[in-house]
Amino acid sequence: MKIEVEYRVMYEMIGVKGEIVDGEHVMIDSLSASDVSIMEEELGDVIMSGRMLDEILAEEIIRAYITERIGVECLSERSFSQNMKRLVDTTYRFGKIDIALGDPVARVLKDKKEVSYARAL
């Protein structure tokens, strides 16, 4: 049995040259077998939310943007932890890049079948 949590979020970003980039980002969080057995009763408890989720999504989107622009992944976790700043609720800055996130929506999938309703976080 495999449980995944799929997060979808719309975003708007101002890139390094001032260009506006917007789109939708999807992140999949897979749970290990031990996590699944612990969480079997309360699948809603496995869904991340709040500032922690926003920071993870912002980092993933910025990392993908920079990797696409230069052709190679070059950013470490440390570079994000030291340089990404929260401006307001769901808006972040990383160097010259600003990103604003919409409200994420999460779905819990068990063996690729949805077991919970999509919900905004």
N, C-alpha and C. Protein backbone atom coordinates (compact mmCIF):
# COMPACT_ATOMS: atom_id res chain seq x y z
N MET A 1 0.86 -1.18 0.00
CA MET A 1 0.00 0.00 0.00
C MET A 1 0.90 1.24 0.00
N LYS A 2 0.53 2.18 -0.84
CA LYS A 2 1.30 3.41 -0.95
C LYS A 2 0.35 4.59 -0.77
N ILE A 3 0.74 5.49 0.12
CA ILE A 3 -0.06 6.70 0.31
C ILE A 3 0.78 7.90 -0.10
N GLU A 4 0.15 8.75 -0.91
CA GLU A 4 0.79 9.99 -1.35
C GLU A 4 -0.14 11.15 -1.06
N VAL A 5 0.46 12.29 -0.78
CA VAL A 5 -0.31 13.52 -0.65
C VAL A 5 0.13 14.41 -1.81
N GLU A 6 -0.84 14.80 -2.62
CA GLU A 6 -0.57 15.66 -3.77
C GLU A 6 -0.97 17.08 -3.42
N TYR A 7 -0.04 18.01 -3.55
CA TYR A 7 -0.30 19.43 -3.29
C TYR A 7 -0.26 20.17 -4.62
N ARG A 8 -1.26 21.00 -4.88
CA ARG A 8 -1.30 21.84 -6.08
C ARG A 8 -1.41 23.29 -5.63
N VAL A 9 -0.62 24.15 -6.26
CA VAL A 9 -0.68 25.56 -5.90
C VAL A 9 -0.44 26.41 -7.15
N MET A 10 -1.20 27.48 -7.28
CA MET A 10 -0.98 28.47 -8.33
C MET A 10 0.03 29.48 -7.78
N TYR A 11 0.85 30.04 -8.66
CA TYR A 11 1.83 31.01 -8.20
C TYR A 11 2.07 32.08 -9.25
N GLU A 12 2.62 33.19 -8.80
CA GLU A 12 3.09 34.26 -9.68
C GLU A 12 4.45 34.67 -9.16
N MET A 13 5.42 34.78 -10.08
CA MET A 13 6.80 35.05 -9.69
C MET A 13 7.37 36.15 -10.57
N ILE A 14 8.19 36.99 -9.98
CA ILE A 14 8.97 37.96 -10.74
C ILE A 14 10.38 37.39 -10.80
N GLY A 15 10.82 37.09 -12.01
CA GLY A 15 12.10 36.43 -12.21
C GLY A 15 13.30 37.36 -12.09
N VAL A 16 14.47 36.82 -12.35
CA VAL A 16 15.72 37.56 -12.17
C VAL A 16 15.85 38.75 -13.11
N LYS A 17 15.19 38.72 -14.25
CA LYS A 17 15.25 39.84 -15.20
C LYS A 17 13.97 40.65 -15.21
N GLY A 18 13.15 40.49 -14.14
CA GLY A 18 11.92 41.25 -14.02
C GLY A 18 10.74 40.67 -14.77
N GLU A 19 10.93 39.52 -15.41
CA GLU A 19 9.83 38.90 -16.14
C GLU A 19 8.83 38.28 -15.15
N ILE A 20 7.57 38.28 -15.54
CA ILE A 20 6.53 37.69 -14.70
C ILE A 20 6.28 36.27 -15.19
N VAL A 21 6.38 35.34 -14.26
CA VAL A 21 6.16 33.93 -14.55
C VAL A 21 5.02 33.47 -13.65
N ASP A 22 3.99 32.88 -14.26
CA ASP A 22 2.93 32.34 -13.42
C ASP A 22 2.61 30.93 -13.88
N GLY A 23 2.02 30.17 -13.00
CA GLY A 23 1.71 28.79 -13.35
C GLY A 23 1.16 28.03 -12.17
N GLU A 24 1.13 26.72 -12.35
CA GLU A 24 0.68 25.81 -11.30
C GLU A 24 1.81 24.84 -11.01
N HIS A 25 2.03 24.58 -9.74
CA HIS A 25 3.07 23.65 -9.32
C HIS A 25 2.42 22.49 -8.58
N VAL A 26 2.89 21.27 -8.85
CA VAL A 26 2.39 20.08 -8.16
C VAL A 26 3.55 19.43 -7.43
N MET A 27 3.34 19.15 -6.15
CA MET A 27 4.34 18.46 -5.35
C MET A 27 3.69 17.20 -4.79
N ILE A 28 4.42 16.08 -4.87
CA ILE A 28 3.93 14.81 -4.34
C ILE A 28 4.79 14.43 -3.14
N ASP A 29 4.13 14.14 -2.02
CA ASP A 29 4.81 13.70 -0.80
C ASP A 29 4.41 12.25 -0.58
N SER A 30 5.38 11.32 -0.70
CA SER A 30 5.11 9.90 -0.50
C SER A 30 5.42 9.51 0.93
N LEU A 31 4.57 8.66 1.49
CA LEU A 31 4.76 8.21 2.86
C LEU A 31 5.33 6.80 2.89
N SER A 32 6.21 6.55 3.85
CA SER A 32 6.80 5.23 3.98
C SER A 32 5.80 4.25 4.58
N ALA A 33 6.11 2.97 4.51
CA ALA A 33 5.22 1.94 5.04
C ALA A 33 4.95 2.14 6.53
N SER A 34 5.96 2.54 7.29
CA SER A 34 5.75 2.75 8.73
C SER A 34 4.83 3.96 8.97
N ASP A 35 5.00 5.02 8.17
CA ASP A 35 4.11 6.18 8.28
C ASP A 35 2.68 5.78 7.96
N VAL A 36 2.52 4.93 6.95
CA VAL A 36 1.18 4.51 6.53
C VAL A 36 0.49 3.75 7.65
N SER A 37 1.20 2.80 8.29
CA SER A 37 0.56 2.02 9.35
C SER A 37 0.20 2.90 10.54
N ILE A 38 1.01 3.89 10.85
CA ILE A 38 0.72 4.79 11.96
C ILE A 38 -0.48 5.68 11.62
N MET A 39 -0.55 6.15 10.38
CA MET A 39 -1.55 7.12 9.98
C MET A 39 -2.80 6.51 9.35
N GLU A 40 -2.89 5.21 9.28
CA GLU A 40 -4.01 4.56 8.59
C GLU A 40 -5.37 5.09 9.05
N GLU A 41 -5.53 5.32 10.33
CA GLU A 41 -6.81 5.76 10.87
C GLU A 41 -7.12 7.22 10.56
N GLU A 42 -6.11 8.07 10.59
CA GLU A 42 -6.30 9.52 10.44
C GLU A 42 -5.51 10.04 9.24
N LEU A 43 -5.98 9.77 8.04
CA LEU A 43 -5.25 10.20 6.85
C LEU A 43 -5.15 11.72 6.76
N GLY A 44 -6.11 12.44 7.33
CA GLY A 44 -6.06 13.89 7.32
C GLY A 44 -4.86 14.44 8.08
N ASP A 45 -4.31 13.65 9.01
CA ASP A 45 -3.17 14.09 9.81
C ASP A 45 -1.87 14.13 9.01
N VAL A 46 -1.82 13.52 7.84
CA VAL A 46 -0.59 13.48 7.06
C VAL A 46 -0.43 14.70 6.16
N ILE A 47 -1.43 15.56 6.11
CA ILE A 47 -1.38 16.71 5.22
C ILE A 47 -0.67 17.88 5.89
N MET A 48 0.37 18.38 5.22
CA MET A 48 1.07 19.56 5.72
C MET A 48 0.23 20.79 5.42
N SER A 49 0.43 21.83 6.19
CA SER A 49 -0.27 23.08 5.91
C SER A 49 0.51 24.24 6.50
N GLY A 50 0.01 25.44 6.24
CA GLY A 50 0.58 26.63 6.85
C GLY A 50 1.90 27.06 6.27
N ARG A 51 2.65 27.76 7.09
CA ARG A 51 3.90 28.38 6.65
C ARG A 51 4.93 27.36 6.20
N MET A 52 5.01 26.21 6.89
CA MET A 52 5.97 25.19 6.51
C MET A 52 5.72 24.72 5.07
N LEU A 53 4.46 24.45 4.74
CA LEU A 53 4.12 24.03 3.38
C LEU A 53 4.42 25.13 2.38
N ASP A 54 4.06 26.37 2.69
CA ASP A 54 4.33 27.49 1.79
C ASP A 54 5.82 27.62 1.49
N GLU A 55 6.66 27.49 2.50
CA GLU A 55 8.11 27.61 2.30
C GLU A 55 8.64 26.49 1.42
N ILE A 56 8.15 25.27 1.64
CA ILE A 56 8.59 24.14 0.82
C ILE A 56 8.18 24.34 -0.64
N LEU A 57 6.93 24.76 -0.86
CA LEU A 57 6.45 24.98 -2.23
C LEU A 57 7.23 26.11 -2.90
N ALA A 58 7.44 27.22 -2.20
CA ALA A 58 8.19 28.35 -2.77
C ALA A 58 9.60 27.91 -3.15
N GLU A 59 10.24 27.16 -2.29
CA GLU A 59 11.59 26.68 -2.57
C GLU A 59 11.60 25.78 -3.80
N GLU A 60 10.66 24.85 -3.89
CA GLU A 60 10.60 23.95 -5.05
C GLU A 60 10.40 24.71 -6.36
N ILE A 61 9.51 25.69 -6.34
CA ILE A 61 9.22 26.46 -7.55
C ILE A 61 10.43 27.28 -7.97
N ILE A 62 11.07 27.95 -7.02
CA ILE A 62 12.26 28.76 -7.33
C ILE A 62 13.39 27.87 -7.82
N ARG A 63 13.58 26.73 -7.16
CA ARG A 63 14.64 25.80 -7.56
C ARG A 63 14.42 25.33 -9.01
N ALA A 64 13.18 24.99 -9.37
CA ALA A 64 12.88 24.55 -10.73
C ALA A 64 13.11 25.67 -11.74
N TYR A 65 12.72 26.89 -11.37
CA TYR A 65 12.90 28.05 -12.25
C TYR A 65 14.39 28.29 -12.53
N ILE A 66 15.20 28.30 -11.49
CA ILE A 66 16.64 28.56 -11.67
C ILE A 66 17.30 27.41 -12.43
N THR A 67 16.94 26.18 -12.12
CA THR A 67 17.50 25.02 -12.82
C THR A 67 17.17 25.08 -14.31
N GLU A 68 15.93 25.47 -14.63
CA GLU A 68 15.54 25.59 -16.04
C GLU A 68 16.33 26.70 -16.74
N ARG A 69 16.57 27.80 -16.05
CA ARG A 69 17.28 28.93 -16.67
C ARG A 69 18.75 28.62 -16.95
N ILE A 70 19.43 27.93 -16.03
CA ILE A 70 20.86 27.70 -16.23
C ILE A 70 21.20 26.28 -16.67
N GLY A 71 20.21 25.37 -16.61
CA GLY A 71 20.42 24.03 -17.14
C GLY A 71 21.01 23.02 -16.17
N VAL A 72 21.25 23.41 -14.94
CA VAL A 72 21.81 22.47 -13.97
C VAL A 72 21.35 22.89 -12.57
N GLU A 73 21.08 21.88 -11.72
CA GLU A 73 20.68 22.21 -10.36
C GLU A 73 21.92 22.61 -9.56
N CYS A 74 21.87 23.77 -8.94
CA CYS A 74 23.07 24.26 -8.28
C CYS A 74 22.79 24.86 -6.89
N LEU A 75 21.57 24.80 -6.43
CA LEU A 75 21.22 25.44 -5.16
C LEU A 75 21.13 24.42 -4.04
N SER A 76 21.79 24.72 -2.94
CA SER A 76 21.77 23.82 -1.79
C SER A 76 20.65 24.21 -0.84
N GLU A 77 20.32 23.30 0.07
CA GLU A 77 19.33 23.59 1.10
C GLU A 77 19.80 24.80 1.93
N ARG A 78 21.09 24.86 2.16
CA ARG A 78 21.65 25.95 2.96
C ARG A 78 21.44 27.30 2.29
N SER A 79 21.57 27.34 0.96
CA SER A 79 21.38 28.61 0.27
C SER A 79 19.95 29.12 0.46
N PHE A 80 18.99 28.22 0.47
CA PHE A 80 17.61 28.63 0.71
C PHE A 80 17.40 29.06 2.16
N SER A 81 17.91 28.26 3.08
CA SER A 81 17.67 28.60 4.49
C SER A 81 18.31 29.93 4.86
N GLN A 82 19.40 30.28 4.22
CA GLN A 82 20.08 31.54 4.54
C GLN A 82 19.55 32.73 3.75
N ASN A 83 18.99 32.49 2.58
CA ASN A 83 18.67 33.61 1.68
C ASN A 83 17.20 33.81 1.34
N MET A 84 16.34 32.85 1.62
CA MET A 84 14.93 33.05 1.31
C MET A 84 14.27 33.79 2.47
N LYS A 85 13.62 34.88 2.15
CA LYS A 85 12.96 35.73 3.15
C LYS A 85 11.47 35.73 2.92
N ARG A 86 10.71 35.69 3.99
CA ARG A 86 9.25 35.81 3.92
C ARG A 86 8.92 37.29 3.98
N LEU A 87 8.24 37.80 2.95
CA LEU A 87 7.88 39.22 2.92
C LEU A 87 6.56 39.46 3.63
N VAL A 88 5.54 38.74 3.24
CA VAL A 88 4.23 38.73 3.90
C VAL A 88 3.70 37.30 3.81
N ASP A 89 2.49 37.09 4.28
CA ASP A 89 1.94 35.73 4.41
C ASP A 89 2.47 34.69 3.43
N THR A 90 2.16 34.81 2.17
CA THR A 90 2.56 33.78 1.19
C THR A 90 3.45 34.36 0.10
N THR A 91 4.20 35.38 0.41
CA THR A 91 5.12 36.00 -0.55
C THR A 91 6.54 35.89 -0.01
N TYR A 92 7.44 35.41 -0.88
CA TYR A 92 8.82 35.17 -0.48
C TYR A 92 9.78 35.82 -1.46
N ARG A 93 11.00 36.09 -0.99
CA ARG A 93 12.06 36.65 -1.84
C ARG A 93 13.29 35.78 -1.70
N PHE A 94 13.89 35.48 -2.85
CA PHE A 94 15.16 34.76 -2.90
C PHE A 94 16.04 35.51 -3.87
N GLY A 95 16.96 36.31 -3.35
CA GLY A 95 17.78 37.17 -4.20
C GLY A 95 16.90 38.18 -4.93
N LYS A 96 16.91 38.15 -6.27
CA LYS A 96 16.09 39.07 -7.07
C LYS A 96 14.75 38.46 -7.45
N ILE A 97 14.46 37.26 -6.96
CA ILE A 97 13.23 36.57 -7.32
C ILE A 97 12.20 36.75 -6.21
N ASP A 98 11.01 37.21 -6.59
CA ASP A 98 9.88 37.29 -5.66
C ASP A 98 8.82 36.31 -6.13
N ILE A 99 8.19 35.62 -5.17
CA ILE A 99 7.15 34.67 -5.52
C ILE A 99 5.96 34.82 -4.57
N ALA A 100 4.77 34.81 -5.15
CA ALA A 100 3.53 34.86 -4.37
C ALA A 100 2.76 33.57 -4.66
N LEU A 101 2.34 32.90 -3.60
CA LEU A 101 1.64 31.63 -3.73
C LEU A 101 0.14 31.82 -3.53
N GLY A 102 -0.65 31.05 -4.26
CA GLY A 102 -2.08 30.99 -4.00
C GLY A 102 -2.33 30.02 -2.85
N ASP A 103 -3.57 29.65 -2.64
CA ASP A 103 -3.91 28.69 -1.59
C ASP A 103 -3.66 27.27 -2.12
N PRO A 104 -2.79 26.51 -1.45
CA PRO A 104 -2.56 25.13 -1.89
C PRO A 104 -3.81 24.28 -1.68
N VAL A 105 -3.95 23.27 -2.53
CA VAL A 105 -5.02 22.29 -2.39
C VAL A 105 -4.34 20.93 -2.27
N ALA A 106 -4.80 20.11 -1.32
CA ALA A 106 -4.19 18.80 -1.09
C ALA A 106 -5.20 17.68 -1.35
N ARG A 107 -4.68 16.57 -1.89
CA ARG A 107 -5.47 15.35 -2.05
C ARG A 107 -4.65 14.20 -1.49
N VAL A 108 -5.29 13.31 -0.75
CA VAL A 108 -4.61 12.11 -0.27
C VAL A 108 -4.96 10.97 -1.20
N LEU A 109 -3.92 10.30 -1.70
CA LEU A 109 -4.09 9.20 -2.65
C LEU A 109 -3.57 7.91 -2.01
N LYS A 110 -4.37 6.86 -2.09
CA LYS A 110 -3.97 5.55 -1.57
C LYS A 110 -3.92 4.61 -2.76
N ASP A 111 -2.73 4.11 -3.08
CA ASP A 111 -2.53 3.28 -4.27
C ASP A 111 -3.09 3.96 -5.51
N LYS A 112 -2.79 5.24 -5.66
CA LYS A 112 -3.16 6.09 -6.81
C LYS A 112 -4.65 6.42 -6.89
N LYS A 113 -5.44 6.07 -5.88
CA LYS A 113 -6.87 6.41 -5.86
C LYS A 113 -7.12 7.41 -4.75
N GLU A 114 -7.91 8.43 -5.06
CA GLU A 114 -8.19 9.47 -4.08
C GLU A 114 -9.00 8.91 -2.92
N VAL A 115 -8.53 9.19 -1.69
CA VAL A 115 -9.25 8.71 -0.50
C VAL A 115 -9.76 9.87 0.35
N SER A 116 -9.50 11.08 -0.09
CA SER A 116 -10.04 12.23 0.63
C SER A 116 -10.43 13.29 -0.38
N TYR A 117 -11.31 14.16 0.02
CA TYR A 117 -11.69 15.25 -0.84
C TYR A 117 -10.53 16.25 -0.92
N ALA A 118 -10.39 16.87 -2.05
CA ALA A 118 -9.41 17.94 -2.17
C ALA A 118 -9.82 19.05 -1.23
N ARG A 119 -8.85 19.62 -0.55
CA ARG A 119 -9.19 20.72 0.36
C ARG A 119 -8.13 21.78 0.30
N ALA A 120 -8.57 23.01 0.42
CA ALA A 120 -7.64 24.14 0.45
C ALA A 120 -7.01 24.17 1.83
N LEU A 121 -5.75 24.56 1.88
CA LEU A 121 -5.02 24.58 3.15
C LEU A 121 -4.79 25.99 3.62
